[in-house]
Amino acid sequence: MESNFKNKTDQYLKSYSKELKEKKKLDKIDLNFVLPSVYAFVREVSFRVLGLRHYDVQILGGIALHYGKIVEIATGEGKTLVATMPIYLNALTGRGVHLITVNDYLARRDAQWMGEIYKFLGLSVGCIQNDMNNDQRRIQYNCDVTYGTNNEFGFDYLRDNMAIHL
């Protein structure tokens, strides 16, 4: 399906993304139906924006992630890039997507680096950091895609469920 997007203009790709987003509230069945074309679409955008083209094995990893499977990818094999496809696909539901990583540095780096793809596609990108107050966190969580660490997401969940007032 790569050829469907290869010769399209950047403007066309942006309008295609807008069209996908406007379908709003896609459910899992719809996502499964559009997965092949969306993955080809994200692959082309990634190449244009970052100069990085997903390898076939990375696409397979992204498919497995979308279906909730655990994917083992060694250091340097492109975990950061693999995640862009299922993140974009699942962000189309309008519910927001969280990517959990191991430290603040990687969360910040990946939000900025891969964020260029998402921004091209019309999505907002946030990043939860250890030193943020509740108002700053709320803004980040309201983004289409939010990067953060397991500790921050976990403790935010606990704090939210222990709060006496909204």
Protein backbone atom coordinates (compact mmCIF):
# COMPACT_ATOMS: atom_id res chain seq x y z
CA MET A 1 0.00 0.00 0.00
CA GLU A 2 3.06 2.22 0.15
CA SER A 3 2.56 3.32 -3.45
CA ASN A 4 -0.81 4.85 -2.50
CA PHE A 5 1.02 7.60 -0.61
CA LYS A 6 4.47 7.81 -2.17
CA ASN A 7 3.63 10.35 -4.86
CA LYS A 8 1.12 12.39 -2.87
CA THR A 9 1.94 15.94 -1.77
CA ASP A 10 2.49 16.89 1.85
CA GLN A 11 -0.73 18.88 1.67
CA TYR A 12 -2.63 15.78 0.54
CA LEU A 13 -1.15 13.73 3.38
CA LYS A 14 -2.14 16.35 5.94
CA SER A 15 -5.68 16.52 4.55
CA TYR A 16 -5.89 12.70 4.57
CA SER A 17 -4.92 12.71 8.24
CA LYS A 18 -7.52 15.38 8.98
CA GLU A 19 -10.13 13.28 7.20
CA LEU A 20 -9.23 10.23 9.31
CA LYS A 21 -9.41 12.27 12.51
CA GLU A 22 -12.78 13.73 11.57
CA LYS A 23 -14.31 10.26 11.39
CA LYS A 24 -13.99 10.44 15.18
CA LYS A 25 -14.60 7.71 17.67
CA LEU A 26 -13.48 4.83 15.54
CA ASP A 27 -13.85 1.55 17.39
CA LYS A 28 -11.52 -1.44 17.36
CA ILE A 29 -13.27 -3.02 14.37
CA ASP A 30 -12.83 0.16 12.34
CA LEU A 31 -9.18 0.40 13.42
CA ASN A 32 -8.50 -3.14 12.29
CA PHE A 33 -10.07 -2.37 8.93
CA VAL A 34 -7.96 0.75 8.32
CA LEU A 35 -4.72 -0.60 9.89
CA PRO A 36 -2.93 -1.51 6.62
CA SER A 37 -3.54 1.82 4.93
CA VAL A 38 -2.83 3.83 8.10
CA TYR A 39 0.47 2.00 8.67
CA ALA A 40 1.52 2.65 5.05
CA PHE A 41 0.49 6.26 5.54
CA VAL A 42 2.53 6.69 8.75
CA ARG A 43 5.51 4.98 7.11
CA GLU A 44 5.51 7.55 4.31
CA VAL A 45 5.07 10.49 6.69
CA SER A 46 7.91 9.22 8.89
CA PHE A 47 10.21 9.05 5.89
CA ARG A 48 9.30 12.56 4.77
CA VAL A 49 9.47 14.16 8.21
CA LEU A 50 12.37 12.30 9.86
CA GLY A 51 14.05 10.48 7.00
CA LEU A 52 13.26 7.19 8.78
CA ARG A 53 11.42 4.45 6.91
CA HIS A 54 9.96 1.57 8.91
CA TYR A 55 11.41 -1.82 7.99
CA ASP A 56 8.91 -4.61 7.32
CA VAL A 57 9.82 -6.28 10.62
CA GLN A 58 9.10 -3.00 12.43
CA ILE A 59 5.68 -2.88 10.80
CA LEU A 60 5.02 -6.41 12.06
CA GLY A 61 6.06 -5.27 15.54
CA GLY A 62 3.62 -2.36 15.28
CA ILE A 63 0.82 -4.70 14.25
CA ALA A 64 1.52 -6.94 17.24
CA LEU A 65 1.52 -3.93 19.58
CA HIS A 66 -1.84 -2.80 18.22
CA TYR A 67 -3.28 -6.21 19.04
CA GLY A 68 -1.98 -5.98 22.62
CA LYS A 69 0.88 -8.40 22.24
CA ILE A 70 4.30 -8.07 23.84
CA VAL A 71 7.04 -7.38 21.34
CA GLU A 72 10.71 -7.86 22.18
CA ILE A 73 12.96 -5.46 20.28
CA ALA A 74 16.64 -5.18 21.11
CA THR A 75 18.41 -1.89 21.76
CA GLY A 76 19.00 -0.04 18.51
CA GLU A 77 16.38 -1.94 16.50
CA GLY A 78 13.84 0.87 16.46
CA LYS A 79 11.34 0.51 19.31
CA THR A 80 10.76 4.25 19.22
CA LEU A 81 9.86 4.21 15.53
CA VAL A 82 7.84 0.96 15.76
CA ALA A 83 5.47 2.58 18.25
CA THR A 84 4.51 5.44 15.90
CA MET A 85 2.19 3.32 13.81
CA PRO A 86 -0.01 1.84 16.57
CA ILE A 87 0.09 5.15 18.45
CA TYR A 88 -1.28 7.09 15.48
CA LEU A 89 -3.82 4.39 14.66
CA ASN A 90 -5.17 4.25 18.21
CA ALA A 91 -5.13 8.05 18.59
CA LEU A 92 -7.81 8.08 15.88
CA THR A 93 -10.29 6.85 18.52
CA GLY A 94 -10.10 10.27 20.19
CA ARG A 95 -9.36 8.72 23.59
CA GLY A 96 -5.68 9.65 23.75
CA VAL A 97 -2.74 7.28 23.72
CA HIS A 98 -0.04 6.93 26.37
CA LEU A 99 3.45 5.65 25.63
CA ILE A 100 5.27 4.43 28.72
CA THR A 101 9.06 4.44 28.84
CA VAL A 102 11.66 3.96 31.57
CA ASN A 103 12.95 7.47 32.31
CA ASP A 104 12.19 11.16 31.88
CA TYR A 105 15.00 11.62 29.36
CA LEU A 106 13.57 9.01 26.95
CA ALA A 107 10.03 10.29 27.42
CA ARG A 108 11.10 13.85 26.58
CA ARG A 109 13.40 12.79 23.72
CA ASP A 110 10.82 10.54 22.09
CA ALA A 111 7.97 13.04 22.50
CA GLN A 112 10.08 15.65 20.70
CA TRP A 113 11.60 13.32 18.10
CA MET A 114 8.57 11.22 17.13
CA GLY A 115 6.34 14.18 17.94
CA GLU A 116 7.39 15.64 14.60
CA ILE A 117 5.48 12.80 12.89
CA TYR A 118 2.38 13.27 15.03
CA LYS A 119 2.38 17.04 14.60
CA PHE A 120 2.61 16.62 10.81
CA LEU A 121 -0.41 14.34 11.14
CA GLY A 122 -2.33 16.95 13.11
CA LEU A 123 -2.05 15.37 16.56
CA SER A 124 -1.03 17.08 19.77
CA VAL A 125 1.87 15.60 21.75
CA GLY A 126 2.46 15.82 25.48
CA CYS A 127 5.09 14.59 27.88
CA ILE A 128 4.73 13.97 31.61
CA GLN A 129 7.87 14.81 33.60
CA ASN A 130 8.71 14.20 37.26
CA ASP A 131 8.86 17.88 38.25
CA MET A 132 5.44 18.92 36.85
CA ASN A 133 2.59 20.21 38.99
CA ASN A 134 -1.01 19.01 38.58
CA ASP A 135 -2.01 21.81 36.18
CA GLN A 136 0.96 21.10 33.90
CA ARG A 137 0.17 17.36 33.98
CA ARG A 138 -3.48 17.99 33.09
CA ILE A 139 -2.42 19.90 29.97
CA GLN A 140 -0.11 17.06 28.90
CA TYR A 141 -2.73 14.37 29.52
CA ASN A 142 -5.20 16.25 27.32
CA CYS A 143 -2.97 15.73 24.27
CA ASP A 144 -3.69 13.10 21.62
CA VAL A 145 -0.40 11.36 22.46
CA THR A 146 1.28 11.52 25.87
CA TYR A 147 4.74 10.18 26.65
CA GLY A 148 5.83 9.47 30.20
CA THR A 149 7.40 6.97 32.57
CA ASN A 150 5.84 4.00 34.30
CA ASN A 151 6.32 5.76 37.67
CA GLU A 152 4.64 9.00 36.60
CA PHE A 153 1.64 7.29 34.98
CA GLY A 154 1.29 4.88 37.90
CA PHE A 155 1.48 7.50 40.63
CA ASP A 156 -0.78 9.90 38.71
CA TYR A 157 -3.37 7.12 38.56
CA LEU A 158 -3.05 6.54 42.30
CA ARG A 159 -3.23 10.28 43.10
CA ASP A 160 -6.32 10.68 40.89
CA ASN A 161 -8.09 7.83 42.62
CA MET A 162 -7.19 9.04 46.11
CA ALA A 163 -8.29 12.64 45.50
CA ILE A 164 -11.18 13.88 47.61
CA HIS A 165 -12.07 16.67 45.13
CA LEU A 166 -11.79 16.80 41.34
